[in-house]
Amino acid sequence: MEREDVLAKVTEIARDVFDDEELELTDETVAADVDGWDSLTHLSLMNEIEIEFDIKFEMKEVQALGNVGELVNVILSRIS
């Protein structure tokens, strides 16, 4: 799976979690850029990503994520 494919899938999942079909994520997107992205929705997002990509995040990985690009990098490292 290519980086662009992972970002597209993460964006699709985020649109469902945040109930916003207009949401566009980029590598530079941070939680503060998205209305409603709080600790609860963050957990929901991570859970849905784990299910979709059949991976399991470690808590330290999740806490270290600075933006969507870093999230995509972690996913790519797990699925390749």
PDB file of N, CA and C in Angstrom:
ATOM      1  N   MET A   1       0.849  -1.170   0.000  1.00  0.00           N
ATOM      2  CA  MET A   1       0.000   0.000   0.000  1.00  0.00           C
ATOM      3  C   MET A   1       0.901   1.241   0.000  1.00  0.00           C
ATOM      4  N   GLU A   2       0.572   2.182  -0.842  1.00  0.00           N
ATOM      5  CA  GLU A   2       1.346   3.412  -0.974  1.00  0.00           C
ATOM      6  C   GLU A   2       0.942   4.425   0.099  1.00  0.00           C
ATOM      7  N   ARG A   3       1.829   5.366   0.360  1.00  0.00           N
ATOM      8  CA  ARG A   3       1.591   6.406   1.354  1.00  0.00           C
ATOM      9  C   ARG A   3       0.284   7.165   1.087  1.00  0.00           C
ATOM     10  N   GLU A   4       0.056   7.503  -0.175  1.00  0.00           N
ATOM     11  CA  GLU A   4      -1.160   8.241  -0.531  1.00  0.00           C
ATOM     12  C   GLU A   4      -2.414   7.426  -0.222  1.00  0.00           C
ATOM     13  N   ASP A   5      -2.330   6.109  -0.416  1.00  0.00           N
ATOM     14  CA  ASP A   5      -3.461   5.226  -0.122  1.00  0.00           C
ATOM     15  C   ASP A   5      -3.758   5.196   1.378  1.00  0.00           C
ATOM     16  N   VAL A   6      -2.691   5.149   2.180  1.00  0.00           N
ATOM     17  CA  VAL A   6      -2.865   5.139   3.635  1.00  0.00           C
ATOM     18  C   VAL A   6      -3.482   6.455   4.094  1.00  0.00           C
ATOM     19  N   LEU A   7      -2.972   7.572   3.597  1.00  0.00           N
ATOM     20  CA  LEU A   7      -3.530   8.871   3.962  1.00  0.00           C
ATOM     21  C   LEU A   7      -4.993   8.976   3.547  1.00  0.00           C
ATOM     22  N   ALA A   8      -5.330   8.475   2.378  1.00  0.00           N
ATOM     23  CA  ALA A   8      -6.723   8.507   1.912  1.00  0.00           C
ATOM     24  C   ALA A   8      -7.618   7.669   2.823  1.00  0.00           C
ATOM     25  N   LYS A   9      -7.149   6.507   3.243  1.00  0.00           N
ATOM     26  CA  LYS A   9      -7.932   5.644   4.118  1.00  0.00           C
ATOM     27  C   LYS A   9      -8.084   6.280   5.501  1.00  0.00           C
ATOM     28  N   VAL A  10      -7.012   6.870   6.019  1.00  0.00           N
ATOM     29  CA  VAL A  10      -7.086   7.560   7.316  1.00  0.00           C
ATOM     30  C   VAL A  10      -8.073   8.726   7.226  1.00  0.00           C
ATOM     31  N   THR A  11      -8.054   9.449   6.124  1.00  0.00           N
ATOM     32  CA  THR A  11      -8.995  10.556   5.925  1.00  0.00           C
ATOM     33  C   THR A  11     -10.427  10.037   5.906  1.00  0.00           C
ATOM     34  N   GLU A  12     -10.656   8.931   5.225  1.00  0.00           N
ATOM     35  CA  GLU A  12     -11.993   8.331   5.161  1.00  0.00           C
ATOM     36  C   GLU A  12     -12.472   7.932   6.565  1.00  0.00           C
ATOM     37  N   ILE A  13     -11.594   7.321   7.328  1.00  0.00           N
ATOM     38  CA  ILE A  13     -11.932   6.923   8.700  1.00  0.00           C
ATOM     39  C   ILE A  13     -12.224   8.165   9.544  1.00  0.00           C
ATOM     40  N   ALA A  14     -11.385   9.188   9.426  1.00  0.00           N
ATOM     41  CA  ALA A  14     -11.582  10.424  10.188  1.00  0.00           C
ATOM     42  C   ALA A  14     -12.908  11.089   9.825  1.00  0.00           C
ATOM     43  N   ARG A  15     -13.283  11.056   8.571  1.00  0.00           N
ATOM     44  CA  ARG A  15     -14.570  11.636   8.165  1.00  0.00           C
ATOM     45  C   ARG A  15     -15.714  10.944   8.885  1.00  0.00           C
ATOM     46  N   ASP A  16     -15.623   9.632   9.036  1.00  0.00           N
ATOM     47  CA  ASP A  16     -16.661   8.889   9.756  1.00  0.00           C
ATOM     48  C   ASP A  16     -16.644   9.225  11.247  1.00  0.00           C
ATOM     49  N   VAL A  17     -15.463   9.207  11.849  1.00  0.00           N
ATOM     50  CA  VAL A  17     -15.338   9.457  13.286  1.00  0.00           C
ATOM     51  C   VAL A  17     -15.809  10.866  13.646  1.00  0.00           C
ATOM     52  N   PHE A  18     -15.421  11.852  12.839  1.00  0.00           N
ATOM     53  CA  PHE A  18     -15.766  13.242  13.127  1.00  0.00           C
ATOM     54  C   PHE A  18     -17.066  13.675  12.455  1.00  0.00           C
ATOM     55  N   ASP A  19     -17.696  12.751  11.730  1.00  0.00           N
ATOM     56  CA  ASP A  19     -18.961  13.018  11.050  1.00  0.00           C
ATOM     57  C   ASP A  19     -18.864  14.290  10.207  1.00  0.00           C
ATOM     58  N   ASP A  20     -17.825  14.332   9.360  1.00  0.00           N
ATOM     59  CA  ASP A  20     -17.561  15.499   8.523  1.00  0.00           C
ATOM     60  C   ASP A  20     -17.064  15.026   7.155  1.00  0.00           C
ATOM     61  N   GLU A  21     -17.965  14.964   6.202  1.00  0.00           N
ATOM     62  CA  GLU A  21     -17.614  14.478   4.863  1.00  0.00           C
ATOM     63  C   GLU A  21     -16.688  15.418   4.099  1.00  0.00           C
ATOM     64  N   GLU A  22     -16.546  16.654   4.568  1.00  0.00           N
ATOM     65  CA  GLU A  22     -15.691  17.644   3.915  1.00  0.00           C
ATOM     66  C   GLU A  22     -14.259  17.632   4.464  1.00  0.00           C
ATOM     67  N   LEU A  23     -14.014  16.865   5.509  1.00  0.00           N
ATOM     68  CA  LEU A  23     -12.719  16.861   6.178  1.00  0.00           C
ATOM     69  C   LEU A  23     -11.611  16.396   5.238  1.00  0.00           C
ATOM     70  N   GLU A  24     -10.555  17.185   5.160  1.00  0.00           N
ATOM     71  CA  GLU A  24      -9.376  16.842   4.369  1.00  0.00           C
ATOM     72  C   GLU A  24      -8.165  16.830   5.293  1.00  0.00           C
ATOM     73  N   LEU A  25      -7.476  15.707   5.357  1.00  0.00           N
ATOM     74  CA  LEU A  25      -6.274  15.600   6.172  1.00  0.00           C
ATOM     75  C   LEU A  25      -5.042  15.665   5.286  1.00  0.00           C
ATOM     76  N   THR A  26      -4.005  16.298   5.807  1.00  0.00           N
ATOM     77  CA  THR A  26      -2.705  16.326   5.141  1.00  0.00           C
ATOM     78  C   THR A  26      -1.680  15.824   6.145  1.00  0.00           C
ATOM     79  N   ASP A  27      -0.454  15.649   5.701  1.00  0.00           N
ATOM     80  CA  ASP A  27       0.605  15.224   6.612  1.00  0.00           C
ATOM     81  C   ASP A  27       0.785  16.219   7.758  1.00  0.00           C
ATOM     82  N   GLU A  28       0.508  17.486   7.516  1.00  0.00           N
ATOM     83  CA  GLU A  28       0.733  18.528   8.511  1.00  0.00           C
ATOM     84  C   GLU A  28      -0.442  18.735   9.452  1.00  0.00           C
ATOM     85  N   THR A  29      -1.576  18.080   9.213  1.00  0.00           N
ATOM     86  CA  THR A  29      -2.761  18.264  10.049  1.00  0.00           C
ATOM     87  C   THR A  29      -2.482  17.812  11.476  1.00  0.00           C
ATOM     88  N   VAL A  30      -2.882  18.660  12.437  1.00  0.00           N
ATOM     89  CA  VAL A  30      -2.796  18.325  13.858  1.00  0.00           C
ATOM     90  C   VAL A  30      -4.213  18.368  14.447  1.00  0.00           C
ATOM     91  N   ALA A  31      -4.372  17.809  15.629  1.00  0.00           N
ATOM     92  CA  ALA A  31      -5.696  17.719  16.246  1.00  0.00           C
ATOM     93  C   ALA A  31      -6.381  19.083  16.343  1.00  0.00           C
ATOM     94  N   ALA A  32      -5.623  20.114  16.661  1.00  0.00           N
ATOM     95  CA  ALA A  32      -6.196  21.458  16.810  1.00  0.00           C
ATOM     96  C   ALA A  32      -6.808  21.989  15.512  1.00  0.00           C
ATOM     97  N   ASP A  33      -6.433  21.395  14.374  1.00  0.00           N
ATOM     98  CA  ASP A  33      -6.958  21.831  13.079  1.00  0.00           C
ATOM     99  C   ASP A  33      -8.355  21.285  12.794  1.00  0.00           C
ATOM    100  N   VAL A  34      -8.796  20.295  13.576  1.00  0.00           N
ATOM    101  CA  VAL A  34     -10.045  19.597  13.282  1.00  0.00           C
ATOM    102  C   VAL A  34     -11.049  19.845  14.410  1.00  0.00           C
ATOM    103  N   ASP A  35     -12.214  20.407  14.041  1.00  0.00           N
ATOM    104  CA  ASP A  35     -13.266  20.635  15.032  1.00  0.00           C
ATOM    105  C   ASP A  35     -13.679  19.311  15.662  1.00  0.00           C
ATOM    106  N   GLY A  36     -13.729  19.295  16.982  1.00  0.00           N
ATOM    107  CA  GLY A  36     -14.192  18.112  17.687  1.00  0.00           C
ATOM    108  C   GLY A  36     -13.129  17.070  17.975  1.00  0.00           C
ATOM    109  N   TRP A  37     -11.881  17.338  17.586  1.00  0.00           N
ATOM    110  CA  TRP A  37     -10.820  16.355  17.842  1.00  0.00           C
ATOM    111  C   TRP A  37     -10.333  16.545  19.270  1.00  0.00           C
ATOM    112  N   ASP A  38     -10.900  15.750  20.163  1.00  0.00           N
ATOM    113  CA  ASP A  38     -10.496  15.780  21.562  1.00  0.00           C
ATOM    114  C   ASP A  38      -9.999  14.394  21.958  1.00  0.00           C
ATOM    115  N   SER A  39      -9.766  14.179  23.234  1.00  0.00           N
ATOM    116  CA  SER A  39      -9.179  12.908  23.663  1.00  0.00           C
ATOM    117  C   SER A  39     -10.095  11.720  23.366  1.00  0.00           C
ATOM    118  N   LEU A  40     -11.389  11.895  23.504  1.00  0.00           N
ATOM    119  CA  LEU A  40     -12.313  10.792  23.223  1.00  0.00           C
ATOM    120  C   LEU A  40     -12.369  10.449  21.739  1.00  0.00           C
ATOM    121  N   THR A  41     -12.471  11.464  20.899  1.00  0.00           N
ATOM    122  CA  THR A  41     -12.509  11.175  19.465  1.00  0.00           C
ATOM    123  C   THR A  41     -11.161  10.663  18.986  1.00  0.00           C
ATOM    124  N   HIS A  42     -10.085  11.077  19.652  1.00  0.00           N
ATOM    125  CA  HIS A  42      -8.764  10.563  19.301  1.00  0.00           C
ATOM    126  C   HIS A  42      -8.707   9.053  19.538  1.00  0.00           C
ATOM    127  N   LEU A  43      -9.236   8.612  20.682  1.00  0.00           N
ATOM    128  CA  LEU A  43      -9.273   7.176  20.975  1.00  0.00           C
ATOM    129  C   LEU A  43     -10.124   6.431  19.954  1.00  0.00           C
ATOM    130  N   SER A  44     -11.257   7.012  19.595  1.00  0.00           N
ATOM    131  CA  SER A  44     -12.122   6.385  18.584  1.00  0.00           C
ATOM    132  C   SER A  44     -11.414   6.276  17.241  1.00  0.00           C
ATOM    133  N   LEU A  45     -10.725   7.351  16.857  1.00  0.00           N
ATOM    134  CA  LEU A  45      -9.995   7.361  15.600  1.00  0.00           C
ATOM    135  C   LEU A  45      -8.914   6.281  15.591  1.00  0.00           C
ATOM    136  N   MET A  46      -8.129   6.221  16.655  1.00  0.00           N
ATOM    137  CA  MET A  46      -7.054   5.223  16.734  1.00  0.00           C
ATOM    138  C   MET A  46      -7.626   3.810  16.698  1.00  0.00           C
ATOM    139  N   ASN A  47      -8.741   3.592  17.387  1.00  0.00           N
ATOM    140  CA  ASN A  47      -9.376   2.279  17.386  1.00  0.00           C
ATOM    141  C   ASN A  47      -9.830   1.883  15.988  1.00  0.00           C
ATOM    142  N   GLU A  48     -10.470   2.789  15.290  1.00  0.00           N
ATOM    143  CA  GLU A  48     -10.946   2.496  13.933  1.00  0.00           C
ATOM    144  C   GLU A  48      -9.780   2.241  12.978  1.00  0.00           C
ATOM    145  N   ILE A  49      -8.690   2.971  13.151  1.00  0.00           N
ATOM    146  CA  ILE A  49      -7.501   2.752  12.319  1.00  0.00           C
ATOM    147  C   ILE A  49      -6.905   1.378  12.609  1.00  0.00           C
ATOM    148  N   GLU A  50      -6.847   1.006  13.893  1.00  0.00           N
ATOM    149  CA  GLU A  50      -6.336  -0.319  14.249  1.00  0.00           C
ATOM    150  C   GLU A  50      -7.163  -1.417  13.595  1.00  0.00           C
ATOM    151  N   ILE A  51      -8.460  -1.256  13.609  1.00  0.00           N
ATOM    152  CA  ILE A  51      -9.352  -2.255  12.998  1.00  0.00           C
ATOM    153  C   ILE A  51      -9.133  -2.306  11.485  1.00  0.00           C
ATOM    154  N   GLU A  52      -9.130  -1.151  10.845  1.00  0.00           N
ATOM    155  CA  GLU A  52      -9.016  -1.094   9.382  1.00  0.00           C
ATOM    156  C   GLU A  52      -7.705  -1.689   8.884  1.00  0.00           C
ATOM    157  N   PHE A  53      -6.608  -1.379   9.553  1.00  0.00           N
ATOM    158  CA  PHE A  53      -5.294  -1.821   9.082  1.00  0.00           C
ATOM    159  C   PHE A  53      -4.802  -3.088   9.788  1.00  0.00           C
ATOM    160  N   ASP A  54      -5.625  -3.614  10.705  1.00  0.00           N
ATOM    161  CA  ASP A  54      -5.284  -4.825  11.449  1.00  0.00           C
ATOM    162  C   ASP A  54      -3.928  -4.683  12.142  1.00  0.00           C
ATOM    163  N   ILE A  55      -3.806  -3.582  12.889  1.00  0.00           N
ATOM    164  CA  ILE A  55      -2.583  -3.313  13.647  1.00  0.00           C
ATOM    165  C   ILE A  55      -2.982  -2.947  15.070  1.00  0.00           C
ATOM    166  N   LYS A  56      -2.004  -2.878  15.953  1.00  0.00           N
ATOM    167  CA  LYS A  56      -2.232  -2.447  17.328  1.00  0.00           C
ATOM    168  C   LYS A  56      -1.160  -1.433  17.688  1.00  0.00           C
ATOM    169  N   PHE A  57      -1.596  -0.228  18.078  1.00  0.00           N
ATOM    170  CA  PHE A  57      -0.664   0.812  18.487  1.00  0.00           C
ATOM    171  C   PHE A  57      -0.230   0.588  19.926  1.00  0.00           C
ATOM    172  N   GLU A  58       0.994   0.986  20.222  1.00  0.00           N
ATOM    173  CA  GLU A  58       1.447   1.045  21.598  1.00  0.00           C
ATOM    174  C   GLU A  58       1.133   2.441  22.119  1.00  0.00           C
ATOM    175  N   MET A  59       0.843   2.547  23.404  1.00  0.00           N
ATOM    176  CA  MET A  59       0.468   3.840  23.971  1.00  0.00           C
ATOM    177  C   MET A  59       1.544   4.893  23.731  1.00  0.00           C
ATOM    178  N   LYS A  60       2.808   4.517  23.856  1.00  0.00           N
ATOM    179  CA  LYS A  60       3.883   5.499  23.652  1.00  0.00           C
ATOM    180  C   LYS A  60       3.907   6.009  22.215  1.00  0.00           C
ATOM    181  N   GLU A  61       3.531   5.171  21.256  1.00  0.00           N
ATOM    182  CA  GLU A  61       3.460   5.612  19.855  1.00  0.00           C
ATOM    183  C   GLU A  61       2.381   6.665  19.688  1.00  0.00           C
ATOM    184  N   VAL A  62       1.216   6.385  20.255  1.00  0.00           N
ATOM    185  CA  VAL A  62       0.081   7.295  20.122  1.00  0.00           C
ATOM    186  C   VAL A  62       0.408   8.632  20.774  1.00  0.00           C
ATOM    187  N   GLN A  63       1.037   8.595  21.934  1.00  0.00           N
ATOM    188  CA  GLN A  63       1.369   9.823  22.647  1.00  0.00           C
ATOM    189  C   GLN A  63       2.433  10.635  21.916  1.00  0.00           C
ATOM    190  N   ALA A  64       3.285   9.981  21.155  1.00  0.00           N
ATOM    191  CA  ALA A  64       4.381  10.661  20.468  1.00  0.00           C
ATOM    192  C   ALA A  64       3.965  11.271  19.131  1.00  0.00           C
ATOM    193  N   LEU A  65       2.784  10.941  18.640  1.00  0.00           N
ATOM    194  CA  LEU A  65       2.354  11.441  17.334  1.00  0.00           C
ATOM    195  C   LEU A  65       2.150  12.952  17.380  1.00  0.00           C
ATOM    196  N   GLY A  66       2.789  13.643  16.437  1.00  0.00           N
ATOM    197  CA  GLY A  66       2.663  15.091  16.383  1.00  0.00           C
ATOM    198  C   GLY A  66       1.692  15.575  15.326  1.00  0.00           C
ATOM    199  N   ASN A  67       1.508  14.773  14.273  1.00  0.00           N
ATOM    200  CA  ASN A  67       0.605  15.157  13.187  1.00  0.00           C
ATOM    201  C   ASN A  67       0.180  13.917  12.404  1.00  0.00           C
ATOM    202  N   VAL A  68      -0.671  14.115  11.436  1.00  0.00           N
ATOM    203  CA  VAL A  68      -1.193  12.997  10.650  1.00  0.00           C
ATOM    204  C   VAL A  68      -0.081  12.307   9.862  1.00  0.00           C
ATOM    205  N   GLY A  69       0.898  13.063   9.389  1.00  0.00           N
ATOM    206  CA  GLY A  69       2.007  12.468   8.648  1.00  0.00           C
ATOM    207  C   GLY A  69       2.765  11.444   9.483  1.00  0.00           C
ATOM    208  N   GLU A  70       2.968  11.754  10.760  1.00  0.00           N
ATOM    209  CA  GLU A  70       3.645  10.807  11.648  1.00  0.00           C
ATOM    210  C   GLU A  70       2.786   9.568  11.867  1.00  0.00           C
ATOM    211  N   LEU A  71       1.471   9.758  11.952  1.00  0.00           N
ATOM    212  CA  LEU A  71       0.551   8.624  12.068  1.00  0.00           C
ATOM    213  C   LEU A  71       0.655   7.726  10.841  1.00  0.00           C
ATOM    214  N   VAL A  72       0.656   8.326   9.670  1.00  0.00           N
ATOM    215  CA  VAL A  72       0.780   7.562   8.425  1.00  0.00           C
ATOM    216  C   VAL A  72       2.099   6.783   8.408  1.00  0.00           C
ATOM    217  N   ASN A  73       3.176   7.406   8.880  1.00  0.00           N
ATOM    218  CA  ASN A  73       4.469   6.722   8.930  1.00  0.00           C
ATOM    219  C   ASN A  73       4.416   5.481   9.818  1.00  0.00           C
ATOM    220  N   VAL A  74       3.766   5.597  10.967  1.00  0.00           N
ATOM    221  CA  VAL A  74       3.648   4.454  11.872  1.00  0.00           C
ATOM    222  C   VAL A  74       2.836   3.334  11.213  1.00  0.00           C
ATOM    223  N   ILE A  75       1.735   3.717  10.581  1.00  0.00           N
ATOM    224  CA  ILE A  75       0.905   2.708   9.902  1.00  0.00           C
ATOM    225  C   ILE A  75       1.712   2.012   8.815  1.00  0.00           C
ATOM    226  N   LEU A  76       2.415   2.778   8.002  1.00  0.00           N
ATOM    227  CA  LEU A  76       3.222   2.191   6.932  1.00  0.00           C
ATOM    228  C   LEU A  76       4.269   1.244   7.479  1.00  0.00           C
ATOM    229  N   SER A  77       4.882   1.589   8.595  1.00  0.00           N
ATOM    230  CA  SER A  77       5.905   0.721   9.167  1.00  0.00           C
ATOM    231  C   SER A  77       5.320  -0.595   9.660  1.00  0.00           C
ATOM    232  N   ARG A  78       4.063  -0.581  10.032  1.00  0.00           N
ATOM    233  CA  ARG A  78       3.409  -1.779  10.528  1.00  0.00           C
ATOM    234  C   ARG A  78       2.866  -2.679   9.434  1.00  0.00           C
ATOM    235  N   ILE A  79       2.460  -2.104   8.330  1.00  0.00           N
ATOM    236  CA  ILE A  79       1.819  -2.918   7.288  1.00  0.00           C
ATOM    237  C   ILE A  79       2.781  -3.346   6.190  1.00  0.00           C
ATOM    238  N   SER A  80       4.009  -2.829   6.219  1.00  0.00           N
ATOM    239  CA  SER A  80       4.944  -3.196   5.140  1.00  0.00           C
ATOM    240  C   SER A  80       5.838  -4.343   5.539  1.00  0.00           C
TER     241      SER A  80
END
